[in-house]
Amino acid sequence: MKRTKKKIKKKTPGGKNVIHFRKKRSSHALCSNCGAKLNRPRLKILEIRKLPKTKKRPERPTPNFCPKCMKEYFKNKVRE
């Protein structure tokens, strides 16, 4: 089974060598249509919880699309 946390070797004040596990940072948010990186904060989960709701995600009908895909999406919606 693959670990999700990074191993870090530390030396304690008592002289023992111990292993601490550090969580990895979350990856960049990607567009669900084309896979381009979205301009969102790349923070740890605990840091994201502290942000207000408006900072966590954009307030628009399609928050998981990049601007180019969003423009195409709305064009297609109007043409239907």
N, C-alpha and C. Protein backbone atom coordinates (compact mmCIF):
# COMPACT_ATOMS: atom_id res chain seq x y z
N MET A 1 0.84 -1.18 0.00
CA MET A 1 0.00 0.00 0.00
C MET A 1 0.89 1.24 0.00
N LYS A 2 0.54 2.21 -0.81
CA LYS A 2 1.35 3.42 -0.94
C LYS A 2 0.99 4.44 0.14
N ARG A 3 1.98 5.04 0.74
CA ARG A 3 1.75 6.03 1.79
C ARG A 3 1.40 7.39 1.17
N THR A 4 0.55 8.12 1.87
CA THR A 4 0.18 9.44 1.38
C THR A 4 0.97 10.53 2.10
N LYS A 5 1.69 10.14 3.15
CA LYS A 5 2.44 11.12 3.92
C LYS A 5 3.94 10.91 3.70
N LYS A 6 4.69 12.00 3.73
CA LYS A 6 6.12 11.96 3.50
C LYS A 6 6.84 11.65 4.82
N LYS A 7 7.82 10.74 4.78
CA LYS A 7 8.59 10.39 5.98
C LYS A 7 9.70 11.42 6.19
N ILE A 8 9.84 11.87 7.42
CA ILE A 8 10.90 12.80 7.76
C ILE A 8 11.60 12.28 9.01
N LYS A 9 12.91 12.09 8.93
CA LYS A 9 13.67 11.60 10.08
C LYS A 9 14.08 12.78 10.95
N LYS A 10 13.77 12.69 12.24
CA LYS A 10 14.08 13.76 13.19
C LYS A 10 14.90 13.17 14.34
N LYS A 11 15.72 13.98 14.93
CA LYS A 11 16.46 13.58 16.12
C LYS A 11 15.86 14.34 17.30
N THR A 12 15.41 13.60 18.31
CA THR A 12 14.77 14.21 19.47
C THR A 12 15.83 14.74 20.43
N PRO A 13 15.43 15.60 21.38
CA PRO A 13 16.39 16.10 22.36
C PRO A 13 17.03 15.00 23.21
N GLY A 14 16.33 13.87 23.35
CA GLY A 14 16.88 12.74 24.12
C GLY A 14 17.89 11.93 23.35
N GLY A 15 18.11 12.25 22.09
CA GLY A 15 19.11 11.56 21.28
C GLY A 15 18.55 10.43 20.43
N LYS A 16 17.24 10.19 20.48
CA LYS A 16 16.65 9.13 19.67
C LYS A 16 16.35 9.64 18.26
N ASN A 17 16.44 8.73 17.30
CA ASN A 17 16.04 9.05 15.93
C ASN A 17 14.62 8.52 15.74
N VAL A 18 13.71 9.40 15.35
CA VAL A 18 12.31 9.01 15.14
C VAL A 18 11.87 9.44 13.75
N ILE A 19 10.78 8.85 13.28
CA ILE A 19 10.23 9.21 11.97
C ILE A 19 8.93 9.96 12.18
N HIS A 20 8.84 11.14 11.61
CA HIS A 20 7.60 11.92 11.60
C HIS A 20 7.02 11.84 10.20
N PHE A 21 5.71 11.93 10.10
CA PHE A 21 5.04 11.89 8.81
C PHE A 21 4.43 13.25 8.52
N ARG A 22 4.75 13.80 7.38
CA ARG A 22 4.25 15.11 6.98
C ARG A 22 3.29 14.94 5.81
N LYS A 23 2.15 15.61 5.90
CA LYS A 23 1.19 15.53 4.81
C LYS A 23 1.70 16.30 3.60
N LYS A 24 1.36 15.79 2.41
CA LYS A 24 1.74 16.47 1.18
C LYS A 24 0.79 17.62 0.92
N ARG A 25 1.25 18.60 0.18
CA ARG A 25 0.37 19.70 -0.21
C ARG A 25 -0.59 19.22 -1.28
N SER A 26 -1.74 19.83 -1.34
CA SER A 26 -2.70 19.46 -2.36
C SER A 26 -2.21 19.93 -3.73
N SER A 27 -2.65 19.26 -4.76
CA SER A 27 -2.23 19.64 -6.11
C SER A 27 -3.05 20.84 -6.59
N HIS A 28 -2.64 21.41 -7.71
CA HIS A 28 -3.35 22.55 -8.28
C HIS A 28 -4.74 22.12 -8.73
N ALA A 29 -5.69 23.02 -8.64
CA ALA A 29 -7.03 22.76 -9.16
C ALA A 29 -6.96 22.82 -10.68
N LEU A 30 -7.58 21.85 -11.33
CA LEU A 30 -7.52 21.75 -12.79
C LEU A 30 -8.91 21.92 -13.39
N CYS A 31 -8.92 22.41 -14.62
CA CYS A 31 -10.16 22.56 -15.38
C CYS A 31 -10.69 21.16 -15.68
N SER A 32 -12.00 20.94 -15.46
CA SER A 32 -12.57 19.62 -15.69
C SER A 32 -12.73 19.31 -17.17
N ASN A 33 -12.62 20.33 -18.04
CA ASN A 33 -12.80 20.12 -19.47
C ASN A 33 -11.46 19.91 -20.19
N CYS A 34 -10.52 20.86 -20.01
CA CYS A 34 -9.26 20.79 -20.77
C CYS A 34 -8.05 20.43 -19.91
N GLY A 35 -8.17 20.51 -18.59
CA GLY A 35 -7.07 20.14 -17.72
C GLY A 35 -6.09 21.26 -17.41
N ALA A 36 -6.41 22.50 -17.77
CA ALA A 36 -5.53 23.64 -17.49
C ALA A 36 -5.59 23.99 -16.00
N LYS A 37 -4.51 24.59 -15.48
CA LYS A 37 -4.47 25.00 -14.08
C LYS A 37 -5.42 26.18 -13.86
N LEU A 38 -6.16 26.13 -12.76
CA LEU A 38 -7.07 27.21 -12.41
C LEU A 38 -6.38 28.15 -11.43
N ASN A 39 -6.77 29.40 -11.46
CA ASN A 39 -6.18 30.41 -10.58
C ASN A 39 -6.90 30.38 -9.23
N ARG A 40 -6.53 29.42 -8.40
CA ARG A 40 -7.12 29.27 -7.07
C ARG A 40 -6.01 29.11 -6.06
N PRO A 41 -6.30 29.36 -4.79
CA PRO A 41 -5.26 29.19 -3.77
C PRO A 41 -4.89 27.72 -3.62
N ARG A 42 -3.58 27.44 -3.56
CA ARG A 42 -3.10 26.07 -3.37
C ARG A 42 -2.62 25.96 -1.93
N LEU A 43 -3.52 25.56 -1.06
CA LEU A 43 -3.26 25.54 0.36
C LEU A 43 -3.52 24.15 0.93
N LYS A 44 -3.07 23.94 2.14
CA LYS A 44 -3.37 22.70 2.85
C LYS A 44 -4.84 22.72 3.26
N ILE A 45 -5.38 21.56 3.53
CA ILE A 45 -6.80 21.44 3.86
C ILE A 45 -7.14 22.27 5.10
N LEU A 46 -6.27 22.24 6.10
CA LEU A 46 -6.55 22.98 7.33
C LEU A 46 -6.55 24.49 7.07
N GLU A 47 -5.70 24.95 6.14
CA GLU A 47 -5.67 26.38 5.81
C GLU A 47 -6.90 26.78 5.02
N ILE A 48 -7.39 25.89 4.16
CA ILE A 48 -8.57 26.20 3.34
C ILE A 48 -9.80 26.32 4.22
N ARG A 49 -9.89 25.49 5.27
CA ARG A 49 -11.05 25.55 6.17
C ARG A 49 -11.19 26.91 6.83
N LYS A 50 -10.07 27.58 7.07
CA LYS A 50 -10.10 28.86 7.77
C LYS A 50 -10.51 30.03 6.86
N LEU A 51 -10.43 29.83 5.54
CA LEU A 51 -10.79 30.90 4.61
C LEU A 51 -12.30 31.08 4.55
N PRO A 52 -12.78 32.30 4.23
CA PRO A 52 -14.21 32.48 4.04
C PRO A 52 -14.66 31.77 2.75
N LYS A 53 -15.96 31.55 2.65
CA LYS A 53 -16.52 30.77 1.54
C LYS A 53 -16.20 31.38 0.18
N THR A 54 -16.16 32.71 0.10
CA THR A 54 -15.92 33.36 -1.19
C THR A 54 -14.48 33.20 -1.67
N LYS A 55 -13.55 32.94 -0.76
CA LYS A 55 -12.15 32.77 -1.15
C LYS A 55 -11.84 31.33 -1.56
N LYS A 56 -12.69 30.38 -1.19
CA LYS A 56 -12.42 28.97 -1.47
C LYS A 56 -12.65 28.62 -2.93
N ARG A 57 -13.64 29.26 -3.54
CA ARG A 57 -13.96 28.94 -4.93
C ARG A 57 -14.62 30.14 -5.58
N PRO A 58 -14.53 30.26 -6.90
CA PRO A 58 -15.15 31.41 -7.56
C PRO A 58 -16.66 31.31 -7.54
N GLU A 59 -17.32 32.46 -7.47
CA GLU A 59 -18.78 32.50 -7.46
C GLU A 59 -19.30 32.71 -8.87
N ARG A 60 -19.40 31.62 -9.60
CA ARG A 60 -19.97 31.64 -10.94
C ARG A 60 -20.60 30.27 -11.18
N PRO A 61 -21.44 30.14 -12.19
CA PRO A 61 -22.16 28.88 -12.40
C PRO A 61 -21.26 27.67 -12.65
N THR A 62 -20.11 27.87 -13.25
CA THR A 62 -19.21 26.75 -13.56
C THR A 62 -17.85 26.98 -12.91
N PRO A 63 -17.70 26.69 -11.62
CA PRO A 63 -16.43 26.99 -10.94
C PRO A 63 -15.29 26.05 -11.31
N ASN A 64 -15.59 24.92 -11.97
CA ASN A 64 -14.53 23.97 -12.30
C ASN A 64 -14.05 24.08 -13.74
N PHE A 65 -14.43 25.17 -14.45
CA PHE A 65 -13.96 25.41 -15.81
C PHE A 65 -12.97 26.58 -15.81
N CYS A 66 -12.01 26.53 -16.73
CA CYS A 66 -11.12 27.67 -16.92
C CYS A 66 -11.89 28.73 -17.73
N PRO A 67 -11.40 29.96 -17.81
CA PRO A 67 -12.15 31.01 -18.53
C PRO A 67 -12.45 30.68 -19.99
N LYS A 68 -11.52 30.02 -20.69
CA LYS A 68 -11.75 29.68 -22.10
C LYS A 68 -12.87 28.66 -22.24
N CYS A 69 -12.83 27.62 -21.42
CA CYS A 69 -13.87 26.59 -21.50
C CYS A 69 -15.21 27.13 -21.04
N MET A 70 -15.18 28.04 -20.07
CA MET A 70 -16.42 28.64 -19.59
C MET A 70 -17.08 29.46 -20.70
N LYS A 71 -16.27 30.19 -21.44
CA LYS A 71 -16.79 30.99 -22.55
C LYS A 71 -17.44 30.08 -23.61
N GLU A 72 -16.77 28.98 -23.94
CA GLU A 72 -17.32 28.03 -24.92
C GLU A 72 -18.60 27.38 -24.39
N TYR A 73 -18.62 27.07 -23.10
CA TYR A 73 -19.79 26.45 -22.47
C TYR A 73 -21.01 27.36 -22.59
N PHE A 74 -20.82 28.65 -22.29
CA PHE A 74 -21.94 29.59 -22.35
C PHE A 74 -22.38 29.85 -23.80
N LYS A 75 -21.42 29.85 -24.73
CA LYS A 75 -21.78 30.00 -26.14
C LYS A 75 -22.69 28.86 -26.57
N ASN A 76 -22.29 27.63 -26.20
CA ASN A 76 -23.08 26.45 -26.59
C ASN A 76 -24.45 26.45 -25.92
N LYS A 77 -24.51 26.92 -24.67
CA LYS A 77 -25.78 26.97 -23.96
C LYS A 77 -26.75 27.95 -24.65
N VAL A 78 -26.23 29.11 -25.09
CA VAL A 78 -27.07 30.12 -25.74
C VAL A 78 -27.52 29.61 -27.11
N ARG A 79 -26.69 28.89 -27.82
CA ARG A 79 -27.02 28.40 -29.15
C ARG A 79 -28.05 27.27 -29.13
N GLU A 80 -28.19 26.59 -27.99
CA GLU A 80 -29.16 25.49 -27.91
C GLU A 80 -30.60 25.98 -27.93
